[in-house]
Amino acid sequence: MRLRLWHDGGKAIPAGQGNLAVRAARALAAAAGVIDLALVDERAARFATPDSDHAETPCTVLDLRKGIPVAGGMAGGSADAAAALVALNELWGCGLSRETLRDIAANVGSDVPFCVVGGTALATGRGTALAQVLCRGTFWWVVATATQPLSTRDVYAAWDRHGEVNEVQPDAVLQALRMRDAEALGGALHNDLEAAAFALRPELAEHKRALVDAGALGAVLSGSGPTLLGLADSAEAAASIADRVGGRFAAVSVATSPAGGPELRPC
């Protein structure tokens, strides 16, 4: 079995084992006993044809069409890996449950197990220990993507200089989710990495304030940044906020939570 990666992201997309979708495919192959998944052939050209020397060898193609920007702090690579696990589990006939796929995902990356199942969860440890939590209703978010990416490695390195350990607990967030209280949730949003990310990109602090000034109930850095999330109290409010802050960002969109994991769709 050959594994081929096609994508349209240029040099920004990692190749080989540096790509989480490739790592997920190989982890699934090892766990499920898929034979001889050894050759990884990276191609940036999506419509390239298989090599004639290997025309008789079965080939699995991973075609990545990125909707989440690289280094955007939104677990785009982890979502790719989760989708690869779910899709290849079906394609290869592995017959593994989502729970088993989540266990495999823990060896691929810290965010991948959550992306396999989706929903709303409390993550502990390095992020792979998940407990599903009750979330009533739908919450509306303004997703504001900065013009320049921000390296997770750089943000963690900066945290050593600018961050500090705090005693913030998730209780307020969990209560707001249970009670479907968007205002309380907005006030409880917190991300320890903001101090580090804002030290590297001071304009992000201004952009966060702009989201609140535009009507967001609260705003928070997504992951290690530079994407910011603003919480709105309705779809109409989210659309209004997005319109008011749009000029500050490379892209602004509206999303809802919670959301499920990867879905299989017929070609």
C-alpha atoms as a PDB file:
ATOM      1  CA  MET A   1       0.000   0.000   0.000  1.00  0.00           C
ATOM      2  CA  ARG A   2       1.284   3.447  -0.927  1.00  0.00           C
ATOM      3  CA  LEU A   3       0.258   6.701   0.709  1.00  0.00           C
ATOM      4  CA  ARG A   4       0.256   9.869  -1.338  1.00  0.00           C
ATOM      5  CA  LEU A   5      -0.331  13.391  -0.010  1.00  0.00           C
ATOM      6  CA  TRP A   6      -1.706  16.050  -2.326  1.00  0.00           C
ATOM      7  CA  HIS A   7      -2.485  19.564  -1.170  1.00  0.00           C
ATOM      8  CA  ASP A   8      -2.874  23.113  -2.386  1.00  0.00           C
ATOM      9  CA  GLY A   9      -1.050  24.896   0.420  1.00  0.00           C
ATOM     10  CA  GLY A  10       2.448  25.256  -1.043  1.00  0.00           C
ATOM     11  CA  LYS A  11       5.448  25.183   1.263  1.00  0.00           C
ATOM     12  CA  ALA A  12       3.335  26.157   4.272  1.00  0.00           C
ATOM     13  CA  ILE A  13       1.964  22.603   4.458  1.00  0.00           C
ATOM     14  CA  PRO A  14       4.389  20.195   6.182  1.00  0.00           C
ATOM     15  CA  ALA A  15       5.388  17.118   4.205  1.00  0.00           C
ATOM     16  CA  GLY A  16       6.051  13.509   5.190  1.00  0.00           C
ATOM     17  CA  GLN A  17       6.004  12.734   8.902  1.00  0.00           C
ATOM     18  CA  GLY A  18       5.827  16.465   9.576  1.00  0.00           C
ATOM     19  CA  ASN A  19       2.230  16.383   8.357  1.00  0.00           C
ATOM     20  CA  LEU A  20      -0.257  15.293  11.013  1.00  0.00           C
ATOM     21  CA  ALA A  21      -2.592  13.691   8.465  1.00  0.00           C
ATOM     22  CA  VAL A  22       0.263  11.488   7.242  1.00  0.00           C
ATOM     23  CA  ARG A  23       1.210  10.614  10.823  1.00  0.00           C
ATOM     24  CA  ALA A  24      -2.422   9.744  11.552  1.00  0.00           C
ATOM     25  CA  ALA A  25      -2.610   7.479   8.497  1.00  0.00           C
ATOM     26  CA  ARG A  26       0.508   5.620   9.488  1.00  0.00           C
ATOM     27  CA  ALA A  27      -0.621   5.326  13.121  1.00  0.00           C
ATOM     28  CA  LEU A  28      -3.934   3.837  11.989  1.00  0.00           C
ATOM     29  CA  ALA A  29      -2.155   1.467   9.623  1.00  0.00           C
ATOM     30  CA  ALA A  30       0.066   0.239  12.446  1.00  0.00           C
ATOM     31  CA  ALA A  31      -2.836  -0.201  14.864  1.00  0.00           C
ATOM     32  CA  ALA A  32      -5.130  -1.940  12.353  1.00  0.00           C
ATOM     33  CA  GLY A  33      -2.512  -4.093  10.640  1.00  0.00           C
ATOM     34  CA  VAL A  34      -2.678  -2.467   7.212  1.00  0.00           C
ATOM     35  CA  ILE A  35       0.231  -4.114   5.399  1.00  0.00           C
ATOM     36  CA  ASP A  36       3.270  -2.320   4.025  1.00  0.00           C
ATOM     37  CA  LEU A  37       2.155   1.284   4.357  1.00  0.00           C
ATOM     38  CA  ALA A  38       5.750   2.366   4.013  1.00  0.00           C
ATOM     39  CA  LEU A  39       6.147   4.724   1.073  1.00  0.00           C
ATOM     40  CA  VAL A  40       5.007   8.300   1.580  1.00  0.00           C
ATOM     41  CA  ASP A  41       5.044  10.325  -1.632  1.00  0.00           C
ATOM     42  CA  GLU A  42       4.370  14.059  -1.139  1.00  0.00           C
ATOM     43  CA  ARG A  43       3.073  15.993  -4.130  1.00  0.00           C
ATOM     44  CA  ALA A  44       1.926  19.604  -4.098  1.00  0.00           C
ATOM     45  CA  ALA A  45       0.143  19.136  -7.430  1.00  0.00           C
ATOM     46  CA  ARG A  46      -3.274  17.769  -6.567  1.00  0.00           C
ATOM     47  CA  PHE A  47      -3.906  16.276  -9.971  1.00  0.00           C
ATOM     48  CA  ALA A  48      -0.559  14.557 -10.506  1.00  0.00           C
ATOM     49  CA  THR A  49      -0.722  10.969 -11.775  1.00  0.00           C
ATOM     50  CA  PRO A  50       0.780   7.956  -9.973  1.00  0.00           C
ATOM     51  CA  ASP A  51       4.266   6.875 -10.978  1.00  0.00           C
ATOM     52  CA  SER A  52       4.233   4.205 -13.691  1.00  0.00           C
ATOM     53  CA  ASP A  53       6.787   2.149 -11.777  1.00  0.00           C
ATOM     54  CA  HIS A  54       4.186   1.576  -9.064  1.00  0.00           C
ATOM     55  CA  ALA A  55       1.038   1.348 -11.200  1.00  0.00           C
ATOM     56  CA  GLU A  56       0.195  -2.100  -9.806  1.00  0.00           C
ATOM     57  CA  THR A  57       0.563  -1.051  -6.152  1.00  0.00           C
ATOM     58  CA  PRO A  58      -2.614   0.047  -4.316  1.00  0.00           C
ATOM     59  CA  CYS A  59      -2.418   3.756  -3.511  1.00  0.00           C
ATOM     60  CA  THR A  60      -4.303   5.803  -0.937  1.00  0.00           C
ATOM     61  CA  VAL A  61      -4.451   9.530  -1.689  1.00  0.00           C
ATOM     62  CA  LEU A  62      -4.873  12.184   1.016  1.00  0.00           C
ATOM     63  CA  ASP A  63      -6.114  15.344  -0.703  1.00  0.00           C
ATOM     64  CA  LEU A  64      -5.882  18.260   1.753  1.00  0.00           C
ATOM     65  CA  ARG A  65      -7.913  21.342   0.925  1.00  0.00           C
ATOM     66  CA  LYS A  66      -7.139  23.739   3.734  1.00  0.00           C
ATOM     67  CA  GLY A  67      -9.999  25.807   5.101  1.00  0.00           C
ATOM     68  CA  ILE A  68      -8.149  26.698   8.310  1.00  0.00           C
ATOM     69  CA  PRO A  69      -4.907  28.670   7.808  1.00  0.00           C
ATOM     70  CA  VAL A  70      -1.596  27.150   8.838  1.00  0.00           C
ATOM     71  CA  ALA A  71      -0.334  28.476  12.201  1.00  0.00           C
ATOM     72  CA  GLY A  72      -3.728  30.063  12.879  1.00  0.00           C
ATOM     73  CA  GLY A  73      -4.166  28.625  16.372  1.00  0.00           C
ATOM     74  CA  MET A  74      -7.336  26.741  15.405  1.00  0.00           C
ATOM     75  CA  ALA A  75      -6.056  23.141  15.358  1.00  0.00           C
ATOM     76  CA  GLY A  76      -6.206  22.948  11.568  1.00  0.00           C
ATOM     77  CA  GLY A  77      -3.528  20.274  11.333  1.00  0.00           C
ATOM     78  CA  SER A  78      -5.136  18.301  14.137  1.00  0.00           C
ATOM     79  CA  ALA A  79      -8.497  18.469  12.346  1.00  0.00           C
ATOM     80  CA  ASP A  80      -6.795  17.135   9.205  1.00  0.00           C
ATOM     81  CA  ALA A  81      -5.383  14.241  11.226  1.00  0.00           C
ATOM     82  CA  ALA A  82      -8.752  13.465  12.798  1.00  0.00           C
ATOM     83  CA  ALA A  83     -10.435  13.499   9.397  1.00  0.00           C
ATOM     84  CA  ALA A  84      -7.752  11.170   8.024  1.00  0.00           C
ATOM     85  CA  LEU A  85      -8.352   8.696  10.868  1.00  0.00           C
ATOM     86  CA  VAL A  86     -12.118   8.662  10.367  1.00  0.00           C
ATOM     87  CA  ALA A  87     -11.966   8.497   6.563  1.00  0.00           C
ATOM     88  CA  LEU A  88      -9.239   5.854   6.328  1.00  0.00           C
ATOM     89  CA  ASN A  89     -10.894   3.738   9.010  1.00  0.00           C
ATOM     90  CA  GLU A  90     -13.841   3.517   6.593  1.00  0.00           C
ATOM     91  CA  LEU A  91     -11.807   3.222   3.390  1.00  0.00           C
ATOM     92  CA  TRP A  92      -9.552   0.482   4.695  1.00  0.00           C
ATOM     93  CA  GLY A  93     -12.394  -1.369   6.427  1.00  0.00           C
ATOM     94  CA  CYS A  94     -10.708  -1.260   9.829  1.00  0.00           C
ATOM     95  CA  GLY A  95     -14.009  -1.203  11.699  1.00  0.00           C
ATOM     96  CA  LEU A  96     -12.644   0.708  14.683  1.00  0.00           C
ATOM     97  CA  SER A  97     -14.910   2.737  16.973  1.00  0.00           C
ATOM     98  CA  ARG A  98     -14.505   6.481  17.479  1.00  0.00           C
ATOM     99  CA  GLU A  99     -13.247   5.729  20.987  1.00  0.00           C
ATOM    100  CA  THR A 100     -10.488   3.512  19.602  1.00  0.00           C
ATOM    101  CA  LEU A 101      -9.648   6.133  16.981  1.00  0.00           C
ATOM    102  CA  ARG A 102      -9.389   8.665  19.788  1.00  0.00           C
ATOM    103  CA  ASP A 103      -6.852   6.444  21.551  1.00  0.00           C
ATOM    104  CA  ILE A 104      -4.802   6.199  18.359  1.00  0.00           C
ATOM    105  CA  ALA A 105      -5.103   9.957  17.918  1.00  0.00           C
ATOM    106  CA  ALA A 106      -3.453  10.571  21.290  1.00  0.00           C
ATOM    107  CA  ASN A 107      -0.191   9.289  19.819  1.00  0.00           C
ATOM    108  CA  VAL A 108      -0.479  11.650  16.843  1.00  0.00           C
ATOM    109  CA  GLY A 109      -0.961  15.013  18.570  1.00  0.00           C
ATOM    110  CA  SER A 110      -2.442  16.584  21.676  1.00  0.00           C
ATOM    111  CA  ASP A 111      -5.434  18.189  19.957  1.00  0.00           C
ATOM    112  CA  VAL A 112      -6.264  15.282  17.672  1.00  0.00           C
ATOM    113  CA  PRO A 113      -8.355  13.161  20.110  1.00  0.00           C
ATOM    114  CA  PHE A 114     -10.830  15.989  20.636  1.00  0.00           C
ATOM    115  CA  CYS A 115     -11.053  16.655  16.906  1.00  0.00           C
ATOM    116  CA  VAL A 116     -11.997  12.994  16.346  1.00  0.00           C
ATOM    117  CA  VAL A 117     -15.129  13.242  18.508  1.00  0.00           C
ATOM    118  CA  GLY A 118     -15.921  16.966  18.671  1.00  0.00           C
ATOM    119  CA  GLY A 119     -18.673  18.286  20.908  1.00  0.00           C
ATOM    120  CA  THR A 120     -17.696  20.033  24.137  1.00  0.00           C
ATOM    121  CA  ALA A 121     -15.043  18.564  26.386  1.00  0.00           C
ATOM    122  CA  LEU A 122     -12.738  19.325  29.277  1.00  0.00           C
ATOM    123  CA  ALA A 123      -9.161  18.402  28.392  1.00  0.00           C
ATOM    124  CA  THR A 124      -6.515  17.701  31.027  1.00  0.00           C
ATOM    125  CA  GLY A 125      -2.899  16.577  31.042  1.00  0.00           C
ATOM    126  CA  ARG A 126      -1.372  17.461  27.697  1.00  0.00           C
ATOM    127  CA  GLY A 127      -4.844  17.641  26.192  1.00  0.00           C
ATOM    128  CA  THR A 128      -5.441  13.981  25.374  1.00  0.00           C
ATOM    129  CA  ALA A 129      -7.472  13.109  28.496  1.00  0.00           C
ATOM    130  CA  LEU A 130     -11.009  14.218  27.639  1.00  0.00           C
ATOM    131  CA  ALA A 131     -14.238  14.361  29.591  1.00  0.00           C
ATOM    132  CA  GLN A 132     -17.364  15.316  27.636  1.00  0.00           C
ATOM    133  CA  VAL A 133     -19.308  18.107  29.366  1.00  0.00           C
ATOM    134  CA  LEU A 134     -22.912  19.236  29.101  1.00  0.00           C
ATOM    135  CA  CYS A 135     -23.525  22.139  26.736  1.00  0.00           C
ATOM    136  CA  ARG A 136     -27.086  23.323  26.232  1.00  0.00           C
ATOM    137  CA  GLY A 137     -27.973  25.284  23.147  1.00  0.00           C
ATOM    138  CA  THR A 138     -25.849  26.969  20.490  1.00  0.00           C
ATOM    139  CA  PHE A 139     -23.228  29.684  20.922  1.00  0.00           C
ATOM    140  CA  TRP A 140     -22.256  32.136  18.188  1.00  0.00           C
ATOM    141  CA  TRP A 141     -18.638  33.146  17.581  1.00  0.00           C
ATOM    142  CA  VAL A 142     -16.853  35.690  15.419  1.00  0.00           C
ATOM    143  CA  VAL A 143     -13.653  34.084  14.164  1.00  0.00           C
ATOM    144  CA  ALA A 144     -11.131  36.817  13.395  1.00  0.00           C
ATOM    145  CA  THR A 145      -7.986  35.625  11.600  1.00  0.00           C
ATOM    146  CA  ALA A 146      -4.891  37.843  11.746  1.00  0.00           C
ATOM    147  CA  THR A 147      -2.921  38.741   8.655  1.00  0.00           C
ATOM    148  CA  GLN A 148       0.258  36.951   9.731  1.00  0.00           C
ATOM    149  CA  PRO A 149       0.647  33.420  11.203  1.00  0.00           C
ATOM    150  CA  LEU A 150       2.107  32.858  14.651  1.00  0.00           C
ATOM    151  CA  SER A 151       4.263  29.866  15.491  1.00  0.00           C
ATOM    152  CA  THR A 152       3.085  27.761  18.425  1.00  0.00           C
ATOM    153  CA  ARG A 153       6.731  27.066  19.294  1.00  0.00           C
ATOM    154  CA  ASP A 154       7.475  30.804  19.460  1.00  0.00           C
ATOM    155  CA  VAL A 155       4.457  31.448  21.674  1.00  0.00           C
ATOM    156  CA  TYR A 156       5.399  28.705  24.133  1.00  0.00           C
ATOM    157  CA  ALA A 157       8.969  30.003  24.233  1.00  0.00           C
ATOM    158  CA  ALA A 158       7.656  33.503  24.936  1.00  0.00           C
ATOM    159  CA  TRP A 159       5.439  32.156  27.734  1.00  0.00           C
ATOM    160  CA  ASP A 160       8.609  31.256  29.649  1.00  0.00           C
ATOM    161  CA  ARG A 161       9.416  34.987  29.648  1.00  0.00           C
ATOM    162  CA  HIS A 162       5.998  36.619  29.858  1.00  0.00           C
ATOM    163  CA  GLY A 163       3.524  34.067  31.223  1.00  0.00           C
ATOM    164  CA  GLU A 164       2.781  32.996  34.751  1.00  0.00           C
ATOM    165  CA  VAL A 165       0.923  30.177  36.458  1.00  0.00           C
ATOM    166  CA  ASN A 166      -2.567  31.142  37.605  1.00  0.00           C
ATOM    167  CA  GLU A 167      -5.376  29.563  39.573  1.00  0.00           C
ATOM    168  CA  VAL A 168      -8.158  30.066  37.015  1.00  0.00           C
ATOM    169  CA  GLN A 169     -10.491  27.056  37.079  1.00  0.00           C
ATOM    170  CA  PRO A 170     -12.975  25.977  34.383  1.00  0.00           C
ATOM    171  CA  ASP A 171     -15.957  25.964  36.764  1.00  0.00           C
ATOM    172  CA  ALA A 172     -17.408  29.258  35.491  1.00  0.00           C
ATOM    173  CA  VAL A 173     -17.141  28.115  31.885  1.00  0.00           C
ATOM    174  CA  LEU A 174     -18.757  24.760  32.635  1.00  0.00           C
ATOM    175  CA  GLN A 175     -21.612  26.417  34.534  1.00  0.00           C
ATOM    176  CA  ALA A 176     -22.245  28.876  31.705  1.00  0.00           C
ATOM    177  CA  LEU A 177     -22.375  26.031  29.186  1.00  0.00           C
ATOM    178  CA  ARG A 178     -24.834  24.088  31.344  1.00  0.00           C
ATOM    179  CA  MET A 179     -27.063  27.121  31.807  1.00  0.00           C
ATOM    180  CA  ARG A 180     -26.840  28.283  28.188  1.00  0.00           C
ATOM    181  CA  ASP A 181     -25.660  31.655  29.523  1.00  0.00           C
ATOM    182  CA  ALA A 182     -23.695  33.430  26.791  1.00  0.00           C
ATOM    183  CA  GLU A 183     -23.058  36.521  28.918  1.00  0.00           C
ATOM    184  CA  ALA A 184     -21.529  34.460  31.728  1.00  0.00           C
ATOM    185  CA  LEU A 185     -19.481  32.481  29.228  1.00  0.00           C
ATOM    186  CA  GLY A 186     -18.140  35.670  27.689  1.00  0.00           C
ATOM    187  CA  GLY A 187     -16.975  36.865  31.091  1.00  0.00           C
ATOM    188  CA  ALA A 188     -15.298  33.530  31.870  1.00  0.00           C
ATOM    189  CA  LEU A 189     -13.226  33.197  28.675  1.00  0.00           C
ATOM    190  CA  HIS A 190      -9.526  32.844  29.458  1.00  0.00           C
ATOM    191  CA  ASN A 191      -6.346  31.689  27.734  1.00  0.00           C
ATOM    192  CA  ASP A 192      -3.012  31.484  29.570  1.00  0.00           C
ATOM    193  CA  LEU A 193      -1.113  31.945  26.304  1.00  0.00           C
ATOM    194  CA  GLU A 194      -2.453  35.429  25.655  1.00  0.00           C
ATOM    195  CA  ALA A 195       0.339  37.173  27.580  1.00  0.00           C
ATOM    196  CA  ALA A 196       2.965  35.460  25.438  1.00  0.00           C
ATOM    197  CA  ALA A 197       1.141  35.936  22.136  1.00  0.00           C
ATOM    198  CA  PHE A 198       0.400  39.591  22.885  1.00  0.00           C
ATOM    199  CA  ALA A 199       4.051  40.188  23.777  1.00  0.00           C
ATOM    200  CA  LEU A 200       5.026  38.889  20.342  1.00  0.00           C
ATOM    201  CA  ARG A 201       2.157  40.682  18.573  1.00  0.00           C
ATOM    202  CA  PRO A 202       1.025  43.703  20.614  1.00  0.00           C
ATOM    203  CA  GLU A 203      -1.627  44.566  18.032  1.00  0.00           C
ATOM    204  CA  LEU A 204      -3.557  41.424  19.043  1.00  0.00           C
ATOM    205  CA  ALA A 205      -4.441  43.031  22.386  1.00  0.00           C
ATOM    206  CA  GLU A 206      -5.908  45.989  20.483  1.00  0.00           C
ATOM    207  CA  HIS A 207      -7.832  43.657  18.202  1.00  0.00           C
ATOM    208  CA  LYS A 208      -9.268  41.829  21.201  1.00  0.00           C
ATOM    209  CA  ARG A 209     -10.497  45.114  22.655  1.00  0.00           C
ATOM    210  CA  ALA A 210     -11.976  46.007  19.267  1.00  0.00           C
ATOM    211  CA  LEU A 211     -14.086  42.834  19.305  1.00  0.00           C
ATOM    212  CA  VAL A 212     -15.500  43.743  22.721  1.00  0.00           C
ATOM    213  CA  ASP A 213     -16.066  47.363  21.680  1.00  0.00           C
ATOM    214  CA  ALA A 214     -17.948  46.071  18.629  1.00  0.00           C
ATOM    215  CA  GLY A 215     -20.380  44.209  20.878  1.00  0.00           C
ATOM    216  CA  ALA A 216     -18.778  40.869  21.749  1.00  0.00           C
ATOM    217  CA  LEU A 217     -19.742  39.510  25.169  1.00  0.00           C
ATOM    218  CA  GLY A 218     -16.129  38.463  25.565  1.00  0.00           C
ATOM    219  CA  ALA A 219     -13.108  37.681  23.421  1.00  0.00           C
ATOM    220  CA  VAL A 220     -10.242  35.254  23.718  1.00  0.00           C
ATOM    221  CA  LEU A 221      -7.173  34.103  21.835  1.00  0.00           C
ATOM    222  CA  SER A 222      -7.739  30.812  19.993  1.00  0.00           C
ATOM    223  CA  GLY A 223      -5.038  28.316  20.937  1.00  0.00           C
ATOM    224  CA  SER A 224      -1.629  29.919  20.543  1.00  0.00           C
ATOM    225  CA  GLY A 225      -3.001  32.547  18.174  1.00  0.00           C
ATOM    226  CA  PRO A 226      -3.072  34.722  16.267  1.00  0.00           C
ATOM    227  CA  THR A 227      -6.798  34.052  15.652  1.00  0.00           C
ATOM    228  CA  LEU A 228      -9.191  35.740  18.068  1.00  0.00           C
ATOM    229  CA  LEU A 229     -12.688  34.552  18.971  1.00  0.00           C
ATOM    230  CA  GLY A 230     -15.461  36.936  19.937  1.00  0.00           C
ATOM    231  CA  LEU A 231     -18.612  35.563  21.565  1.00  0.00           C
ATOM    232  CA  ALA A 232     -21.957  37.043  20.466  1.00  0.00           C
ATOM    233  CA  ASP A 233     -25.424  36.623  21.940  1.00  0.00           C
ATOM    234  CA  SER A 234     -27.116  35.828  18.613  1.00  0.00           C
ATOM    235  CA  ALA A 235     -26.507  35.158  14.939  1.00  0.00           C
ATOM    236  CA  GLU A 236     -27.502  38.735  14.128  1.00  0.00           C
ATOM    237  CA  ALA A 237     -25.112  40.156  16.705  1.00  0.00           C
ATOM    238  CA  ALA A 238     -22.292  37.989  15.404  1.00  0.00           C
ATOM    239  CA  ALA A 239     -22.868  39.222  11.853  1.00  0.00           C
ATOM    240  CA  SER A 240     -22.862  42.835  13.084  1.00  0.00           C
ATOM    241  CA  ILE A 241     -19.629  42.378  15.029  1.00  0.00           C
ATOM    242  CA  ALA A 242     -17.961  40.685  12.074  1.00  0.00           C
ATOM    243  CA  ASP A 243     -18.925  43.587   9.831  1.00  0.00           C
ATOM    244  CA  ARG A 244     -17.608  46.194  12.279  1.00  0.00           C
ATOM    245  CA  VAL A 245     -14.167  44.588  12.804  1.00  0.00           C
ATOM    246  CA  GLY A 246     -13.634  43.129   9.336  1.00  0.00           C
ATOM    247  CA  GLY A 247     -11.075  45.715   8.254  1.00  0.00           C
ATOM    248  CA  ARG A 248      -8.680  44.748  11.023  1.00  0.00           C
ATOM    249  CA  PHE A 249      -8.206  41.125   9.995  1.00  0.00           C
ATOM    250  CA  ALA A 250      -7.230  38.990   7.026  1.00  0.00           C
ATOM    251  CA  ALA A 251     -10.537  37.159   7.311  1.00  0.00           C
ATOM    252  CA  VAL A 252     -13.574  37.253   9.567  1.00  0.00           C
ATOM    253  CA  SER A 253     -16.276  34.589   9.704  1.00  0.00           C
ATOM    254  CA  VAL A 254     -19.097  33.457  11.961  1.00  0.00           C
ATOM    255  CA  ALA A 255     -19.149  29.981  13.494  1.00  0.00           C
ATOM    256  CA  THR A 256     -21.280  28.110  16.007  1.00  0.00           C
ATOM    257  CA  SER A 257     -20.497  25.704  18.807  1.00  0.00           C
ATOM    258  CA  PRO A 258     -20.646  22.920  19.704  1.00  0.00           C
ATOM    259  CA  ALA A 259     -19.666  21.090  16.529  1.00  0.00           C
ATOM    260  CA  GLY A 260     -19.241  17.377  15.920  1.00  0.00           C
ATOM    261  CA  GLY A 261     -16.203  15.510  14.682  1.00  0.00           C
ATOM    262  CA  PRO A 262     -15.427  14.613  11.043  1.00  0.00           C
ATOM    263  CA  GLU A 263     -18.335  13.478   8.903  1.00  0.00           C
ATOM    264  CA  LEU A 264     -18.185  10.988   6.040  1.00  0.00           C
ATOM    265  CA  ARG A 265     -19.805  12.248   2.854  1.00  0.00           C
ATOM    266  CA  PRO A 266     -20.335  10.419  -0.454  1.00  0.00           C
ATOM    267  CA  CYS A 267     -18.133  11.575  -3.312  1.00  0.00           C
END
